[in-house]
Amino acid sequence: MSPYLPAITGDQVVKALKQAGFYVDRIKGSHYILRRDADRRQVAVPCHRGVVVKRKTLQTILNGAGLTADEFRELL
């Protein structure tokens, strides 16, 4: 697999993280705060309409969620 992360919007990131067991805990402005109680992880995803999430931001989200790039691509 390619080591690169896909160029996707915040809404697509939220959808993929929901498949990984996360749920939307709250929304503060344009940021969705997602939680997973199984391992007590929490991540914040910027959801600006139609704007692609920067790759470094996406990598930080994945690190916080405990997912690798390959695992995340399978969720899409």
C-alpha atoms as a PDB file:
ATOM      1  CA  MET A   1       0.000   0.000   0.000  1.00  0.00           C
ATOM      2  CA  SER A   2       0.971   3.583  -0.490  1.00  0.00           C
ATOM      3  CA  PRO A   3       2.365   5.357   2.583  1.00  0.00           C
ATOM      4  CA  TYR A   4       0.491   8.530   1.630  1.00  0.00           C
ATOM      5  CA  LEU A   5      -2.709   9.690   3.229  1.00  0.00           C
ATOM      6  CA  PRO A   6      -5.750  10.421   1.067  1.00  0.00           C
ATOM      7  CA  ALA A   7      -6.945  13.980   0.439  1.00  0.00           C
ATOM      8  CA  ILE A   8     -10.398  14.011   2.069  1.00  0.00           C
ATOM      9  CA  THR A   9     -12.739  16.428   3.806  1.00  0.00           C
ATOM     10  CA  GLY A  10     -13.481  16.535   7.515  1.00  0.00           C
ATOM     11  CA  ASP A  11     -16.925  14.998   6.986  1.00  0.00           C
ATOM     12  CA  GLN A  12     -15.319  11.963   5.343  1.00  0.00           C
ATOM     13  CA  VAL A  13     -12.869  11.649   8.247  1.00  0.00           C
ATOM     14  CA  VAL A  14     -15.762  11.686  10.745  1.00  0.00           C
ATOM     15  CA  LYS A  15     -17.616   9.029   8.744  1.00  0.00           C
ATOM     16  CA  ALA A  16     -14.549   6.755   8.673  1.00  0.00           C
ATOM     17  CA  LEU A  17     -13.861   7.212  12.385  1.00  0.00           C
ATOM     18  CA  LYS A  18     -17.459   6.289  13.172  1.00  0.00           C
ATOM     19  CA  GLN A  19     -16.840   2.968  11.437  1.00  0.00           C
ATOM     20  CA  ALA A  20     -13.825   2.511  13.734  1.00  0.00           C
ATOM     21  CA  GLY A  21     -16.066   2.760  16.800  1.00  0.00           C
ATOM     22  CA  PHE A  22     -15.934   6.486  17.515  1.00  0.00           C
ATOM     23  CA  TYR A  23     -19.018   8.620  18.128  1.00  0.00           C
ATOM     24  CA  VAL A  24     -19.598  12.375  18.053  1.00  0.00           C
ATOM     25  CA  ASP A  25     -19.398  13.540  21.659  1.00  0.00           C
ATOM     26  CA  ARG A  26     -19.928  17.227  20.946  1.00  0.00           C
ATOM     27  CA  ILE A  27     -19.467  19.929  18.336  1.00  0.00           C
ATOM     28  CA  LYS A  28     -17.647  23.145  19.119  1.00  0.00           C
ATOM     29  CA  GLY A  29     -17.796  25.605  16.256  1.00  0.00           C
ATOM     30  CA  SER A  30     -16.647  23.728  13.160  1.00  0.00           C
ATOM     31  CA  HIS A  31     -14.771  21.023  15.086  1.00  0.00           C
ATOM     32  CA  TYR A  32     -16.286  17.633  15.838  1.00  0.00           C
ATOM     33  CA  ILE A  33     -15.031  15.999  19.032  1.00  0.00           C
ATOM     34  CA  LEU A  34     -15.191  12.215  18.667  1.00  0.00           C
ATOM     35  CA  ARG A  35     -14.745   9.665  21.451  1.00  0.00           C
ATOM     36  CA  ARG A  36     -14.284   5.920  21.726  1.00  0.00           C
ATOM     37  CA  ASP A  37     -15.012   4.585  25.204  1.00  0.00           C
ATOM     38  CA  ALA A  38     -13.365   1.179  24.664  1.00  0.00           C
ATOM     39  CA  ASP A  39      -9.862   2.656  24.944  1.00  0.00           C
ATOM     40  CA  ARG A  40     -10.817   6.165  26.136  1.00  0.00           C
ATOM     41  CA  ARG A  41      -9.500   7.942  23.031  1.00  0.00           C
ATOM     42  CA  GLN A  42     -10.671  11.368  21.915  1.00  0.00           C
ATOM     43  CA  VAL A  43      -9.916  13.266  18.691  1.00  0.00           C
ATOM     44  CA  ALA A  44     -10.971  16.607  17.240  1.00  0.00           C
ATOM     45  CA  VAL A  45     -11.736  16.830  13.521  1.00  0.00           C
ATOM     46  CA  PRO A  46     -12.066  20.184  11.704  1.00  0.00           C
ATOM     47  CA  CYS A  47     -15.145  20.058   9.445  1.00  0.00           C
ATOM     48  CA  HIS A  48     -15.093  23.119   7.236  1.00  0.00           C
ATOM     49  CA  ARG A  49     -17.518  22.592   4.367  1.00  0.00           C
ATOM     50  CA  GLY A  50     -15.724  21.393   1.231  1.00  0.00           C
ATOM     51  CA  VAL A  51     -12.216  22.018   2.573  1.00  0.00           C
ATOM     52  CA  VAL A  52      -9.689  19.190   2.404  1.00  0.00           C
ATOM     53  CA  VAL A  53      -8.005  18.347   5.722  1.00  0.00           C
ATOM     54  CA  LYS A  54      -4.265  18.979   5.595  1.00  0.00           C
ATOM     55  CA  ARG A  55      -2.160  15.842   5.574  1.00  0.00           C
ATOM     56  CA  LYS A  56      -0.285  16.713   8.775  1.00  0.00           C
ATOM     57  CA  THR A  57      -3.593  17.395  10.533  1.00  0.00           C
ATOM     58  CA  LEU A  58      -4.952  14.073   9.293  1.00  0.00           C
ATOM     59  CA  GLN A  59      -1.820  12.283  10.540  1.00  0.00           C
ATOM     60  CA  THR A  60      -2.274  13.897  13.969  1.00  0.00           C
ATOM     61  CA  ILE A  61      -5.920  12.767  14.043  1.00  0.00           C
ATOM     62  CA  LEU A  62      -4.919   9.203  13.141  1.00  0.00           C
ATOM     63  CA  ASN A  63      -2.203   9.151  15.804  1.00  0.00           C
ATOM     64  CA  GLY A  64      -4.747  10.279  18.395  1.00  0.00           C
ATOM     65  CA  ALA A  65      -7.205   7.647  17.205  1.00  0.00           C
ATOM     66  CA  GLY A  66      -4.574   4.905  17.308  1.00  0.00           C
ATOM     67  CA  LEU A  67      -4.949   4.054  13.609  1.00  0.00           C
ATOM     68  CA  THR A  68      -2.366   3.542  10.895  1.00  0.00           C
ATOM     69  CA  ALA A  69      -2.746   4.992   7.409  1.00  0.00           C
ATOM     70  CA  ASP A  70      -3.525   1.523   6.003  1.00  0.00           C
ATOM     71  CA  GLU A  71      -6.211   0.859   8.626  1.00  0.00           C
ATOM     72  CA  PHE A  72      -7.754   4.257   7.913  1.00  0.00           C
ATOM     73  CA  ARG A  73      -7.806   3.653   4.142  1.00  0.00           C
ATOM     74  CA  GLU A  74      -9.718   0.403   4.726  1.00  0.00           C
ATOM     75  CA  LEU A  75     -12.386   2.350   6.634  1.00  0.00           C
ATOM     76  CA  LEU A  76     -13.025   4.721   3.710  1.00  0.00           C
END
